[in-house]
């Protein structure tokens, strides 16, 4: 059972690293305020599938890690 969690966490962590690496980056000039684009919907318009996949994989990784910690404690 423990080996299953280790393999699952390894696969999720590698996929999360790859998804974050391939996220689109936004150029920011020093003259504009860093908070000027927060809350704007155009963030989700570019490569929406990759961003949703990153969100799903990160939530899965958190849940698997939480379940593993709870079972290891019992």
N, C-alpha and C. Protein backbone atom coordinates (compact mmCIF):
# COMPACT_ATOMS: atom_id res chain seq x y z
N UNK A 1 0.82 -1.19 0.00
CA UNK A 1 0.00 0.00 0.00
C UNK A 1 0.87 1.26 0.00
N UNK A 2 1.94 1.21 0.79
CA UNK A 2 2.83 2.36 0.86
C UNK A 2 3.54 2.58 -0.47
N UNK A 3 3.89 1.50 -1.14
CA UNK A 3 4.57 1.61 -2.43
C UNK A 3 3.64 2.26 -3.47
N UNK A 4 2.35 1.97 -3.39
CA UNK A 4 1.38 2.57 -4.29
C UNK A 4 1.34 4.08 -4.11
N UNK A 5 1.34 4.54 -2.86
CA UNK A 5 1.34 5.97 -2.60
C UNK A 5 2.63 6.64 -3.08
N UNK A 6 3.74 5.96 -2.90
CA UNK A 6 5.02 6.53 -3.33
C UNK A 6 5.06 6.67 -4.84
N UNK A 7 4.63 5.67 -5.56
CA UNK A 7 4.62 5.73 -7.02
C UNK A 7 3.63 6.78 -7.51
N UNK A 8 2.45 6.84 -6.88
CA UNK A 8 1.45 7.82 -7.27
C UNK A 8 1.93 9.25 -7.01
N UNK A 9 2.56 9.48 -5.87
CA UNK A 9 3.08 10.82 -5.58
C UNK A 9 4.22 11.19 -6.52
N UNK A 10 5.04 10.20 -6.87
CA UNK A 10 6.13 10.47 -7.81
C UNK A 10 5.58 10.87 -9.18
N UNK A 11 4.61 10.13 -9.67
CA UNK A 11 4.03 10.45 -10.99
C UNK A 11 3.32 11.79 -10.98
N UNK A 12 2.58 12.06 -9.92
CA UNK A 12 1.89 13.35 -9.84
C UNK A 12 2.86 14.51 -9.72
N UNK A 13 3.94 14.32 -8.98
CA UNK A 13 4.91 15.41 -8.83
C UNK A 13 5.65 15.69 -10.13
N UNK A 14 6.01 14.65 -10.86
CA UNK A 14 6.68 14.85 -12.16
C UNK A 14 5.73 15.53 -13.14
N UNK A 15 4.48 15.10 -13.19
CA UNK A 15 3.53 15.73 -14.11
C UNK A 15 3.24 17.17 -13.70
N UNK A 16 3.21 17.46 -12.41
CA UNK A 16 2.99 18.83 -11.96
C UNK A 16 4.17 19.72 -12.32
N UNK A 17 5.37 19.21 -12.18
CA UNK A 17 6.57 19.98 -12.56
C UNK A 17 6.53 20.30 -14.05
N UNK A 18 6.20 19.30 -14.87
CA UNK A 18 6.15 19.53 -16.32
C UNK A 18 5.05 20.51 -16.70
N UNK A 19 3.89 20.39 -16.07
CA UNK A 19 2.79 21.31 -16.40
C UNK A 19 3.13 22.75 -16.02
N UNK A 20 3.77 22.93 -14.88
CA UNK A 20 4.14 24.28 -14.46
C UNK A 20 5.22 24.85 -15.37
N UNK A 21 6.14 23.99 -15.82
CA UNK A 21 7.20 24.47 -16.71
C UNK A 21 6.65 24.98 -18.03
N UNK A 22 5.58 24.36 -18.52
CA UNK A 22 5.04 24.74 -19.82
C UNK A 22 3.91 25.75 -19.74
N UNK A 23 3.68 26.32 -18.57
CA UNK A 23 2.67 27.38 -18.44
C UNK A 23 3.12 28.61 -19.21
N UNK A 24 2.16 29.31 -19.83
CA UNK A 24 2.54 30.55 -20.53
C UNK A 24 2.94 31.62 -19.52
N UNK A 25 3.97 32.34 -19.87
CA UNK A 25 4.46 33.42 -19.00
C UNK A 25 3.99 34.76 -19.54
N UNK A 26 3.84 35.70 -18.66
CA UNK A 26 3.41 37.03 -19.06
C UNK A 26 4.55 38.00 -18.81
N UNK A 27 4.87 38.77 -19.83
CA UNK A 27 5.90 39.79 -19.69
C UNK A 27 5.35 40.95 -18.88
N UNK A 28 6.17 41.47 -18.01
CA UNK A 28 5.73 42.59 -17.19
C UNK A 28 6.82 43.65 -17.21
N UNK A 29 6.43 44.85 -17.57
CA UNK A 29 7.41 45.94 -17.56
C UNK A 29 7.46 46.54 -16.17
N UNK A 30 8.57 47.12 -15.84
CA UNK A 30 8.74 47.66 -14.50
C UNK A 30 7.91 48.92 -14.26
N UNK A 31 7.44 49.54 -15.34
CA UNK A 31 6.69 50.78 -15.17
C UNK A 31 5.23 50.55 -14.80
N UNK A 32 4.71 49.35 -15.06
CA UNK A 32 3.30 49.09 -14.75
C UNK A 32 3.18 48.46 -13.37
N UNK A 33 2.04 48.65 -12.80
CA UNK A 33 1.78 48.08 -11.48
C UNK A 33 1.62 46.57 -11.59
N UNK A 34 2.16 45.84 -10.64
CA UNK A 34 2.09 44.38 -10.68
C UNK A 34 0.68 43.87 -10.47
N UNK A 35 -0.16 44.65 -9.83
CA UNK A 35 -1.52 44.20 -9.55
C UNK A 35 -2.53 44.66 -10.59
N UNK A 36 -2.08 45.27 -11.66
CA UNK A 36 -3.03 45.83 -12.63
C UNK A 36 -3.77 44.76 -13.41
N UNK A 37 -3.21 43.54 -13.54
CA UNK A 37 -3.86 42.49 -14.31
C UNK A 37 -4.53 41.43 -13.42
N UNK A 38 -4.49 41.60 -12.11
CA UNK A 38 -5.10 40.62 -11.23
C UNK A 38 -6.61 40.67 -11.36
N UNK A 39 -7.22 39.49 -11.42
CA UNK A 39 -8.67 39.41 -11.50
C UNK A 39 -9.23 39.60 -12.89
N UNK A 40 -8.40 39.81 -13.87
CA UNK A 40 -8.87 39.98 -15.25
C UNK A 40 -9.09 38.59 -15.88
N UNK A 41 -10.13 38.43 -16.68
CA UNK A 41 -10.42 37.11 -17.25
C UNK A 41 -9.46 36.68 -18.35
N UNK A 42 -8.62 37.57 -18.87
CA UNK A 42 -7.76 37.18 -19.98
C UNK A 42 -6.67 36.20 -19.55
N UNK A 43 -6.43 36.03 -18.26
CA UNK A 43 -5.46 35.03 -17.81
C UNK A 43 -5.91 33.63 -18.20
N UNK A 44 -7.20 33.33 -18.07
CA UNK A 44 -7.71 31.99 -18.36
C UNK A 44 -7.99 31.77 -19.84
N UNK A 45 -7.91 32.81 -20.66
CA UNK A 45 -8.20 32.63 -22.08
C UNK A 45 -7.06 31.95 -22.82
N UNK A 46 -5.83 32.14 -22.39
CA UNK A 46 -4.67 31.54 -23.05
C UNK A 46 -4.39 30.18 -22.44
N UNK A 47 -4.47 29.14 -23.25
CA UNK A 47 -4.14 27.76 -22.86
C UNK A 47 -4.92 27.32 -21.62
N UNK A 48 -6.22 27.42 -21.74
CA UNK A 48 -7.11 27.11 -20.62
C UNK A 48 -6.98 25.65 -20.17
N UNK A 49 -6.83 24.74 -21.13
CA UNK A 49 -6.73 23.31 -20.78
C UNK A 49 -5.51 23.00 -19.94
N UNK A 50 -4.39 23.61 -20.27
CA UNK A 50 -3.18 23.36 -19.50
C UNK A 50 -3.30 23.92 -18.09
N UNK A 51 -3.93 25.06 -17.96
CA UNK A 51 -4.10 25.65 -16.64
C UNK A 51 -5.06 24.83 -15.79
N UNK A 52 -6.13 24.34 -16.38
CA UNK A 52 -7.05 23.48 -15.65
C UNK A 52 -6.41 22.15 -15.29
N UNK A 53 -5.59 21.60 -16.18
CA UNK A 53 -4.88 20.36 -15.88
C UNK A 53 -3.90 20.56 -14.73
N UNK A 54 -3.23 21.70 -14.70
CA UNK A 54 -2.32 22.00 -13.60
C UNK A 54 -3.07 22.11 -12.29
N UNK A 55 -4.22 22.75 -12.32
CA UNK A 55 -5.03 22.87 -11.12
C UNK A 55 -5.51 21.50 -10.62
N UNK A 56 -5.97 20.66 -11.53
CA UNK A 56 -6.47 19.34 -11.16
C UNK A 56 -5.35 18.46 -10.62
N UNK A 57 -4.19 18.47 -11.27
CA UNK A 57 -3.06 17.65 -10.81
C UNK A 57 -2.57 18.12 -9.45
N UNK A 58 -2.54 19.43 -9.23
CA UNK A 58 -2.09 19.93 -7.94
C UNK A 58 -3.06 19.56 -6.82
N UNK A 59 -4.36 19.60 -7.09
CA UNK A 59 -5.34 19.20 -6.08
C UNK A 59 -5.23 17.70 -5.82
N UNK A 60 -5.06 16.89 -6.86
CA UNK A 60 -4.87 15.45 -6.68
C UNK A 60 -3.62 15.14 -5.87
N UNK A 61 -2.53 15.86 -6.16
CA UNK A 61 -1.29 15.65 -5.42
C UNK A 61 -1.50 15.98 -3.94
N UNK A 62 -2.19 17.07 -3.65
CA UNK A 62 -2.46 17.45 -2.27
C UNK A 62 -3.31 16.39 -1.57
N UNK A 63 -4.35 15.90 -2.25
CA UNK A 63 -5.23 14.91 -1.63
C UNK A 63 -4.51 13.59 -1.39
N UNK A 64 -3.70 13.15 -2.34
CA UNK A 64 -2.95 11.90 -2.16
C UNK A 64 -1.96 12.04 -1.01
N UNK A 65 -1.29 13.17 -0.94
CA UNK A 65 -0.35 13.40 0.16
C UNK A 65 -1.07 13.45 1.50
N UNK A 66 -2.23 14.10 1.55
CA UNK A 66 -3.01 14.18 2.78
C UNK A 66 -3.49 12.80 3.22
N UNK A 67 -3.99 12.01 2.30
CA UNK A 67 -4.47 10.66 2.62
C UNK A 67 -3.31 9.79 3.10
N UNK A 68 -2.16 9.92 2.44
CA UNK A 68 -0.99 9.15 2.86
C UNK A 68 -0.55 9.52 4.27
N UNK A 69 -0.56 10.81 4.57
CA UNK A 69 -0.16 11.23 5.92
C UNK A 69 -1.16 10.77 6.97
N UNK A 70 -2.44 10.80 6.65
CA UNK A 70 -3.44 10.34 7.60
C UNK A 70 -3.37 8.84 7.82
N UNK A 71 -3.12 8.07 6.78
CA UNK A 71 -3.01 6.62 6.92
C UNK A 71 -1.71 6.21 7.60
N UNK A 72 -0.65 6.94 7.38
CA UNK A 72 0.63 6.61 8.01
C UNK A 72 0.59 6.90 9.50
N UNK A 73 -0.25 7.85 9.90
CA UNK A 73 -0.34 8.22 11.30
C UNK A 73 -1.15 7.19 12.08
N UNK A 74 -2.09 6.53 11.41
CA UNK A 74 -2.98 5.58 12.09
C UNK A 74 -2.31 4.27 12.40
